[in-house]
Amino acid sequence: MKKFTFLLSLFLLYSEIGLAQHLQYLTPQVIDFGSVKEDTLLQGSILITNSGSDPVTIRNVRTSCGCTVAQALKKECAPGDTVNIAFSFNTKGFDGLVRKSVTVFFQESDIEDAHFVIQTHVVQDIDIDPRHFHFAVNQFNSDSVVTELLTIRNHLKKPLHIHNIYAVDDMITVVPTAAVIQPGEAKSLEIQFNVYQMQQRYMTLTIETDYNQEPEIVVPIIIDKKN
């Protein structure tokens, strides 16, 4: 009786292992699109093959946010068949490294959920670094002048003309205030802040360009005056 129980348990164990392993994922777990321009629509497919002897059913497909859509073109996957899960991700409004997840849930309880990551590095036509400045006044005295660099990178296929860079507060100076940046190149500007003397808690640095889609680029400057 003990021997029979052992053999039965062993049979069930191998049956479970076989069932759990009869799915082949033809798509890598991390789907890397490399560098793309902002507002690019990324599209692709997740392919899963049923190499076992039993049918498999996809119960649901979920994404990590509303900007990513994924849908199984069919939910029933017979032995030997391949199911196609089409996905798309809109990069509009994103910047830098972005990761979005797609999770596939199966009807069969002994098949683990499948997790995939859509990865890309979104670049703006005009890249600004840093995107904002933040200072705490209590770190400076009345004579403190802080010098920071602001880098503008041109991802366009034509020269970018910076007509003017200015701030309404005269405690901020920019050198230079105009420049021409060639395609694929960057220009670093030196910005000096007399942080202690700056009166407003929030102000902006405005960059005027000849790029029609982004004639003005605004860089926030936040002054924390808490003691």
C-alpha atoms as a PDB file:
ATOM      1  CA  MET A   1       0.000   0.000   0.000  1.00  0.00           C
ATOM      2  CA  LYS A   2       2.823   2.372   0.868  1.00  0.00           C
ATOM      3  CA  LYS A   3       4.555   1.537  -2.406  1.00  0.00           C
ATOM      4  CA  PHE A   4       1.367   2.210  -4.361  1.00  0.00           C
ATOM      5  CA  THR A   5       0.887   5.545  -2.568  1.00  0.00           C
ATOM      6  CA  PHE A   6       4.489   6.521  -3.331  1.00  0.00           C
ATOM      7  CA  LEU A   7       4.142   5.633  -7.004  1.00  0.00           C
ATOM      8  CA  LEU A   8       0.852   7.483  -7.262  1.00  0.00           C
ATOM      9  CA  SER A   9       2.371  10.567  -5.639  1.00  0.00           C
ATOM     10  CA  LEU A  10       5.360  10.356  -7.969  1.00  0.00           C
ATOM     11  CA  PHE A  11       3.052  10.066 -10.968  1.00  0.00           C
ATOM     12  CA  LEU A  12       1.028  13.091  -9.877  1.00  0.00           C
ATOM     13  CA  LEU A  13       4.207  15.074  -9.265  1.00  0.00           C
ATOM     14  CA  TYR A  14       5.568  14.402 -12.748  1.00  0.00           C
ATOM     15  CA  SER A  15       2.146  15.073 -14.241  1.00  0.00           C
ATOM     16  CA  GLU A  16       2.062  18.502 -12.594  1.00  0.00           C
ATOM     17  CA  ILE A  17       5.613  19.276 -13.701  1.00  0.00           C
ATOM     18  CA  GLY A  18       4.796  18.234 -17.244  1.00  0.00           C
ATOM     19  CA  LEU A  19       1.649  20.357 -17.319  1.00  0.00           C
ATOM     20  CA  ALA A  20       3.434  23.374 -15.895  1.00  0.00           C
ATOM     21  CA  GLN A  21       6.210  23.095 -18.470  1.00  0.00           C
ATOM     22  CA  HIS A  22       4.214  22.455 -21.627  1.00  0.00           C
ATOM     23  CA  LEU A  23       4.017  26.152 -22.510  1.00  0.00           C
ATOM     24  CA  GLN A  24       6.793  27.634 -24.601  1.00  0.00           C
ATOM     25  CA  TYR A  25       7.244  31.414 -24.460  1.00  0.00           C
ATOM     26  CA  LEU A  26       8.580  32.508 -27.832  1.00  0.00           C
ATOM     27  CA  THR A  27       8.812  36.140 -26.697  1.00  0.00           C
ATOM     28  CA  PRO A  28      11.542  37.227 -24.236  1.00  0.00           C
ATOM     29  CA  GLN A  29      10.420  38.281 -20.786  1.00  0.00           C
ATOM     30  CA  VAL A  30      11.852  41.771 -21.351  1.00  0.00           C
ATOM     31  CA  ILE A  31      10.789  43.255 -24.693  1.00  0.00           C
ATOM     32  CA  ASP A  32      13.283  46.059 -25.304  1.00  0.00           C
ATOM     33  CA  PHE A  33      12.500  48.621 -28.021  1.00  0.00           C
ATOM     34  CA  GLY A  34      15.690  50.600 -27.433  1.00  0.00           C
ATOM     35  CA  SER A  35      15.548  54.392 -27.833  1.00  0.00           C
ATOM     36  CA  VAL A  36      12.457  55.929 -29.431  1.00  0.00           C
ATOM     37  CA  LYS A  37      11.131  59.436 -29.925  1.00  0.00           C
ATOM     38  CA  GLU A  38       8.410  60.649 -27.579  1.00  0.00           C
ATOM     39  CA  ASP A  39       4.862  60.143 -28.981  1.00  0.00           C
ATOM     40  CA  THR A  40       5.920  56.926 -30.758  1.00  0.00           C
ATOM     41  CA  LEU A  41       3.338  54.122 -30.691  1.00  0.00           C
ATOM     42  CA  LEU A  42       5.105  50.854 -29.883  1.00  0.00           C
ATOM     43  CA  GLN A  43       3.403  47.677 -31.066  1.00  0.00           C
ATOM     44  CA  GLY A  44       4.279  44.016 -30.809  1.00  0.00           C
ATOM     45  CA  SER A  45       3.137  40.497 -29.995  1.00  0.00           C
ATOM     46  CA  ILE A  46       3.652  38.015 -27.195  1.00  0.00           C
ATOM     47  CA  LEU A  47       3.682  34.479 -28.592  1.00  0.00           C
ATOM     48  CA  ILE A  48       2.948  31.435 -26.436  1.00  0.00           C
ATOM     49  CA  THR A  49       2.975  27.882 -27.830  1.00  0.00           C
ATOM     50  CA  ASN A  50       1.160  24.966 -26.227  1.00  0.00           C
ATOM     51  CA  SER A  51       3.570  22.048 -26.658  1.00  0.00           C
ATOM     52  CA  GLY A  52       1.644  19.782 -24.293  1.00  0.00           C
ATOM     53  CA  SER A  53      -1.182  17.335 -24.865  1.00  0.00           C
ATOM     54  CA  ASP A  54      -3.934  19.285 -23.092  1.00  0.00           C
ATOM     55  CA  PRO A  55      -5.624  22.545 -24.148  1.00  0.00           C
ATOM     56  CA  VAL A  56      -4.788  25.743 -22.269  1.00  0.00           C
ATOM     57  CA  THR A  57      -7.093  28.713 -21.741  1.00  0.00           C
ATOM     58  CA  ILE A  58      -6.040  32.318 -21.172  1.00  0.00           C
ATOM     59  CA  ARG A  59      -8.313  33.744 -18.492  1.00  0.00           C
ATOM     60  CA  ASN A  60      -7.198  37.379 -18.603  1.00  0.00           C
ATOM     61  CA  VAL A  61      -4.466  39.765 -19.744  1.00  0.00           C
ATOM     62  CA  ARG A  62      -3.637  42.829 -17.652  1.00  0.00           C
ATOM     63  CA  THR A  63      -1.313  45.790 -18.159  1.00  0.00           C
ATOM     64  CA  SER A  64       0.267  48.101 -15.594  1.00  0.00           C
ATOM     65  CA  CYS A  65      -1.396  51.301 -16.856  1.00  0.00           C
ATOM     66  CA  GLY A  66      -3.942  52.708 -19.293  1.00  0.00           C
ATOM     67  CA  CYS A  67      -1.234  53.794 -21.743  1.00  0.00           C
ATOM     68  CA  THR A  68      -0.529  50.114 -22.470  1.00  0.00           C
ATOM     69  CA  VAL A  69      -3.097  47.880 -24.183  1.00  0.00           C
ATOM     70  CA  ALA A  70      -2.803  44.096 -24.550  1.00  0.00           C
ATOM     71  CA  GLN A  71      -5.325  41.567 -25.815  1.00  0.00           C
ATOM     72  CA  ALA A  72      -5.242  37.861 -26.624  1.00  0.00           C
ATOM     73  CA  LEU A  73      -6.451  37.381 -30.199  1.00  0.00           C
ATOM     74  CA  LYS A  74      -7.803  34.016 -29.054  1.00  0.00           C
ATOM     75  CA  LYS A  75      -8.050  32.568 -25.552  1.00  0.00           C
ATOM     76  CA  GLU A  76      -8.212  28.853 -26.313  1.00  0.00           C
ATOM     77  CA  CYS A  77      -4.859  27.305 -27.163  1.00  0.00           C
ATOM     78  CA  ALA A  78      -5.077  23.710 -28.367  1.00  0.00           C
ATOM     79  CA  PRO A  79      -2.068  21.365 -28.239  1.00  0.00           C
ATOM     80  CA  GLY A  80       0.457  22.447 -30.863  1.00  0.00           C
ATOM     81  CA  ASP A  81      -1.147  25.868 -31.355  1.00  0.00           C
ATOM     82  CA  THR A  82       0.399  29.281 -30.711  1.00  0.00           C
ATOM     83  CA  VAL A  83      -1.581  32.108 -29.151  1.00  0.00           C
ATOM     84  CA  ASN A  84      -0.863  35.721 -30.103  1.00  0.00           C
ATOM     85  CA  ILE A  85      -1.236  38.487 -27.506  1.00  0.00           C
ATOM     86  CA  ALA A  86      -1.064  41.830 -29.310  1.00  0.00           C
ATOM     87  CA  PHE A  87       0.105  44.849 -27.312  1.00  0.00           C
ATOM     88  CA  SER A  88       0.673  48.554 -27.873  1.00  0.00           C
ATOM     89  CA  PHE A  89       2.219  51.300 -25.748  1.00  0.00           C
ATOM     90  CA  ASN A  90       1.873  55.035 -26.417  1.00  0.00           C
ATOM     91  CA  THR A  91       5.008  56.901 -25.331  1.00  0.00           C
ATOM     92  CA  LYS A  92       3.360  60.337 -25.454  1.00  0.00           C
ATOM     93  CA  GLY A  93       4.202  62.295 -22.303  1.00  0.00           C
ATOM     94  CA  PHE A  94       7.021  59.970 -21.209  1.00  0.00           C
ATOM     95  CA  ASP A  95      10.711  60.742 -20.911  1.00  0.00           C
ATOM     96  CA  GLY A  96      13.748  58.607 -20.126  1.00  0.00           C
ATOM     97  CA  LEU A  97      13.687  54.907 -19.236  1.00  0.00           C
ATOM     98  CA  VAL A  98      10.136  53.508 -19.165  1.00  0.00           C
ATOM     99  CA  ARG A  99       8.982  50.019 -18.195  1.00  0.00           C
ATOM    100  CA  LYS A 100       5.407  48.735 -18.533  1.00  0.00           C
ATOM    101  CA  SER A 101       4.247  45.251 -17.624  1.00  0.00           C
ATOM    102  CA  VAL A 102       1.896  42.760 -19.252  1.00  0.00           C
ATOM    103  CA  THR A 103       0.643  39.817 -17.176  1.00  0.00           C
ATOM    104  CA  VAL A 104      -1.059  36.759 -18.664  1.00  0.00           C
ATOM    105  CA  PHE A 105      -3.377  34.743 -16.400  1.00  0.00           C
ATOM    106  CA  PHE A 106      -4.363  31.161 -17.239  1.00  0.00           C
ATOM    107  CA  GLN A 107      -7.551  29.282 -16.424  1.00  0.00           C
ATOM    108  CA  GLU A 108      -5.556  26.260 -15.269  1.00  0.00           C
ATOM    109  CA  SER A 109      -4.607  26.725 -11.616  1.00  0.00           C
ATOM    110  CA  ASP A 110      -1.355  24.791 -11.945  1.00  0.00           C
ATOM    111  CA  ILE A 111       0.049  27.125 -14.618  1.00  0.00           C
ATOM    112  CA  GLU A 112       1.785  30.173 -13.192  1.00  0.00           C
ATOM    113  CA  ASP A 113       1.026  33.666 -14.428  1.00  0.00           C
ATOM    114  CA  ALA A 114       3.355  34.870 -17.184  1.00  0.00           C
ATOM    115  CA  HIS A 115       4.955  38.299 -16.734  1.00  0.00           C
ATOM    116  CA  PHE A 116       6.427  40.399 -19.546  1.00  0.00           C
ATOM    117  CA  VAL A 117       8.024  43.845 -19.455  1.00  0.00           C
ATOM    118  CA  ILE A 118       7.896  46.362 -22.302  1.00  0.00           C
ATOM    119  CA  GLN A 119      10.985  48.541 -22.009  1.00  0.00           C
ATOM    120  CA  THR A 120      12.134  51.595 -23.931  1.00  0.00           C
ATOM    121  CA  HIS A 121      14.132  54.776 -23.511  1.00  0.00           C
ATOM    122  CA  VAL A 122      12.001  57.732 -24.608  1.00  0.00           C
ATOM    123  CA  VAL A 123      13.874  60.743 -25.946  1.00  0.00           C
ATOM    124  CA  GLN A 124      12.366  64.160 -26.560  1.00  0.00           C
ATOM    125  CA  ASP A 125      13.075  66.079 -29.760  1.00  0.00           C
ATOM    126  CA  ILE A 126      14.730  68.585 -27.446  1.00  0.00           C
ATOM    127  CA  ASP A 127      16.121  67.077 -24.258  1.00  0.00           C
ATOM    128  CA  ILE A 128      16.637  69.312 -21.208  1.00  0.00           C
ATOM    129  CA  ASP A 129      18.747  68.237 -18.235  1.00  0.00           C
ATOM    130  CA  PRO A 130      17.863  68.901 -15.473  1.00  0.00           C
ATOM    131  CA  ARG A 131      14.123  69.331 -15.996  1.00  0.00           C
ATOM    132  CA  HIS A 132      13.860  71.544 -12.888  1.00  0.00           C
ATOM    133  CA  PHE A 133      15.931  73.231 -10.159  1.00  0.00           C
ATOM    134  CA  HIS A 134      15.151  72.947  -6.447  1.00  0.00           C
ATOM    135  CA  PHE A 135      16.942  74.935  -3.733  1.00  0.00           C
ATOM    136  CA  ALA A 136      16.577  75.137   0.065  1.00  0.00           C
ATOM    137  CA  VAL A 137      17.352  78.690   1.236  1.00  0.00           C
ATOM    138  CA  ASN A 138      18.552  77.625   4.692  1.00  0.00           C
ATOM    139  CA  GLN A 139      21.567  75.978   3.026  1.00  0.00           C
ATOM    140  CA  PHE A 140      22.910  79.338   1.817  1.00  0.00           C
ATOM    141  CA  ASN A 141      23.884  82.728   3.215  1.00  0.00           C
ATOM    142  CA  SER A 142      23.133  86.167   1.759  1.00  0.00           C
ATOM    143  CA  ASP A 143      26.302  86.152  -0.365  1.00  0.00           C
ATOM    144  CA  SER A 144      25.846  82.685  -1.826  1.00  0.00           C
ATOM    145  CA  VAL A 145      25.811  82.412  -5.610  1.00  0.00           C
ATOM    146  CA  VAL A 146      25.049  78.930  -6.887  1.00  0.00           C
ATOM    147  CA  THR A 147      26.268  77.916 -10.344  1.00  0.00           C
ATOM    148  CA  GLU A 148      24.486  75.097 -12.151  1.00  0.00           C
ATOM    149  CA  LEU A 149      24.694  73.679 -15.673  1.00  0.00           C
ATOM    150  CA  LEU A 150      21.657  73.282 -17.914  1.00  0.00           C
ATOM    151  CA  THR A 151      22.252  70.979 -20.888  1.00  0.00           C
ATOM    152  CA  ILE A 152      20.146  71.161 -24.054  1.00  0.00           C
ATOM    153  CA  ARG A 153      20.455  68.230 -26.482  1.00  0.00           C
ATOM    154  CA  ASN A 154      19.134  68.398 -30.035  1.00  0.00           C
ATOM    155  CA  HIS A 155      17.569  65.131 -31.294  1.00  0.00           C
ATOM    156  CA  LEU A 156      16.164  66.811 -34.405  1.00  0.00           C
ATOM    157  CA  LYS A 157      17.561  66.299 -37.906  1.00  0.00           C
ATOM    158  CA  LYS A 158      18.220  70.018 -38.304  1.00  0.00           C
ATOM    159  CA  PRO A 159      20.048  72.716 -36.308  1.00  0.00           C
ATOM    160  CA  LEU A 160      18.196  74.045 -33.265  1.00  0.00           C
ATOM    161  CA  HIS A 161      18.337  77.794 -32.730  1.00  0.00           C
ATOM    162  CA  ILE A 162      18.021  79.022 -29.148  1.00  0.00           C
ATOM    163  CA  HIS A 163      16.863  82.620 -29.517  1.00  0.00           C
ATOM    164  CA  ASN A 164      16.772  83.602 -25.865  1.00  0.00           C
ATOM    165  CA  ILE A 165      16.892  82.212 -22.331  1.00  0.00           C
ATOM    166  CA  TYR A 166      15.538  84.334 -19.534  1.00  0.00           C
ATOM    167  CA  ALA A 167      13.972  84.436 -16.063  1.00  0.00           C
ATOM    168  CA  VAL A 168      11.832  87.222 -14.604  1.00  0.00           C
ATOM    169  CA  ASP A 169      13.978  87.372 -11.457  1.00  0.00           C
ATOM    170  CA  ASP A 170      17.170  89.417 -11.933  1.00  0.00           C
ATOM    171  CA  MET A 171      18.860  87.204  -9.320  1.00  0.00           C
ATOM    172  CA  ILE A 172      19.244  84.633 -12.111  1.00  0.00           C
ATOM    173  CA  THR A 173      21.788  85.008 -14.910  1.00  0.00           C
ATOM    174  CA  VAL A 174      22.359  82.720 -17.889  1.00  0.00           C
ATOM    175  CA  VAL A 175      25.488  82.430 -20.050  1.00  0.00           C
ATOM    176  CA  PRO A 176      25.081  82.283 -22.992  1.00  0.00           C
ATOM    177  CA  THR A 177      21.516  83.444 -23.636  1.00  0.00           C
ATOM    178  CA  ALA A 178      21.510  82.260 -27.272  1.00  0.00           C
ATOM    179  CA  ALA A 179      23.044  79.347 -29.169  1.00  0.00           C
ATOM    180  CA  VAL A 180      22.838  77.127 -32.244  1.00  0.00           C
ATOM    181  CA  ILE A 181      22.902  73.381 -31.518  1.00  0.00           C
ATOM    182  CA  GLN A 182      23.648  71.003 -34.384  1.00  0.00           C
ATOM    183  CA  PRO A 183      21.711  67.709 -34.836  1.00  0.00           C
ATOM    184  CA  GLY A 184      22.768  65.093 -32.293  1.00  0.00           C
ATOM    185  CA  GLU A 185      24.824  67.586 -30.299  1.00  0.00           C
ATOM    186  CA  ALA A 186      24.345  69.242 -26.918  1.00  0.00           C
ATOM    187  CA  LYS A 187      25.071  72.644 -25.407  1.00  0.00           C
ATOM    188  CA  SER A 188      25.636  73.300 -21.701  1.00  0.00           C
ATOM    189  CA  LEU A 189      24.609  76.674 -20.307  1.00  0.00           C
ATOM    190  CA  GLU A 190      25.902  78.168 -17.079  1.00  0.00           C
ATOM    191  CA  ILE A 191      23.172  79.453 -14.792  1.00  0.00           C
ATOM    192  CA  GLN A 192      23.909  81.450 -11.650  1.00  0.00           C
ATOM    193  CA  PHE A 193      21.374  81.742  -8.848  1.00  0.00           C
ATOM    194  CA  ASN A 194      21.548  84.148  -5.925  1.00  0.00           C
ATOM    195  CA  VAL A 195      19.261  81.826  -4.029  1.00  0.00           C
ATOM    196  CA  TYR A 196      19.137  83.744  -0.746  1.00  0.00           C
ATOM    197  CA  GLN A 197      18.015  86.960  -2.461  1.00  0.00           C
ATOM    198  CA  MET A 198      15.387  85.356  -4.673  1.00  0.00           C
ATOM    199  CA  GLN A 199      11.978  86.561  -3.510  1.00  0.00           C
ATOM    200  CA  GLN A 200       9.569  84.090  -5.089  1.00  0.00           C
ATOM    201  CA  ARG A 201       9.051  80.503  -4.042  1.00  0.00           C
ATOM    202  CA  TYR A 202       8.338  79.382  -7.597  1.00  0.00           C
ATOM    203  CA  MET A 203       9.577  80.825 -10.865  1.00  0.00           C
ATOM    204  CA  THR A 204      10.561  79.626 -14.289  1.00  0.00           C
ATOM    205  CA  LEU A 205      13.404  79.736 -16.741  1.00  0.00           C
ATOM    206  CA  THR A 206      12.115  80.149 -20.300  1.00  0.00           C
ATOM    207  CA  ILE A 207      13.979  78.869 -23.361  1.00  0.00           C
ATOM    208  CA  GLU A 208      12.823  80.332 -26.700  1.00  0.00           C
ATOM    209  CA  THR A 209      13.562  78.160 -29.769  1.00  0.00           C
ATOM    210  CA  ASP A 210      12.848  78.078 -33.502  1.00  0.00           C
ATOM    211  CA  TYR A 211      11.207  74.635 -33.196  1.00  0.00           C
ATOM    212  CA  ASN A 212       7.543  75.111 -34.151  1.00  0.00           C
ATOM    213  CA  GLN A 213       6.263  72.240 -32.020  1.00  0.00           C
ATOM    214  CA  GLU A 214       8.015  73.558 -28.915  1.00  0.00           C
ATOM    215  CA  PRO A 215       8.762  77.282 -29.342  1.00  0.00           C
ATOM    216  CA  GLU A 216       9.037  77.747 -25.572  1.00  0.00           C
ATOM    217  CA  ILE A 217      10.489  75.309 -23.061  1.00  0.00           C
ATOM    218  CA  VAL A 218       9.833  76.088 -19.415  1.00  0.00           C
ATOM    219  CA  VAL A 219      12.169  74.898 -16.654  1.00  0.00           C
ATOM    220  CA  PRO A 220      10.643  75.239 -13.136  1.00  0.00           C
ATOM    221  CA  ILE A 221      12.732  76.731 -10.316  1.00  0.00           C
ATOM    222  CA  ILE A 222      11.521  75.882  -6.805  1.00  0.00           C
ATOM    223  CA  ILE A 223      12.774  77.810  -3.772  1.00  0.00           C
ATOM    224  CA  ASP A 224      12.161  76.168  -0.398  1.00  0.00           C
ATOM    225  CA  LYS A 225      12.166  78.914   2.245  1.00  0.00           C
ATOM    226  CA  LYS A 226      11.356  76.731   5.245  1.00  0.00           C
ATOM    227  CA  ASN A 227      13.690  77.277   8.209  1.00  0.00           C
END
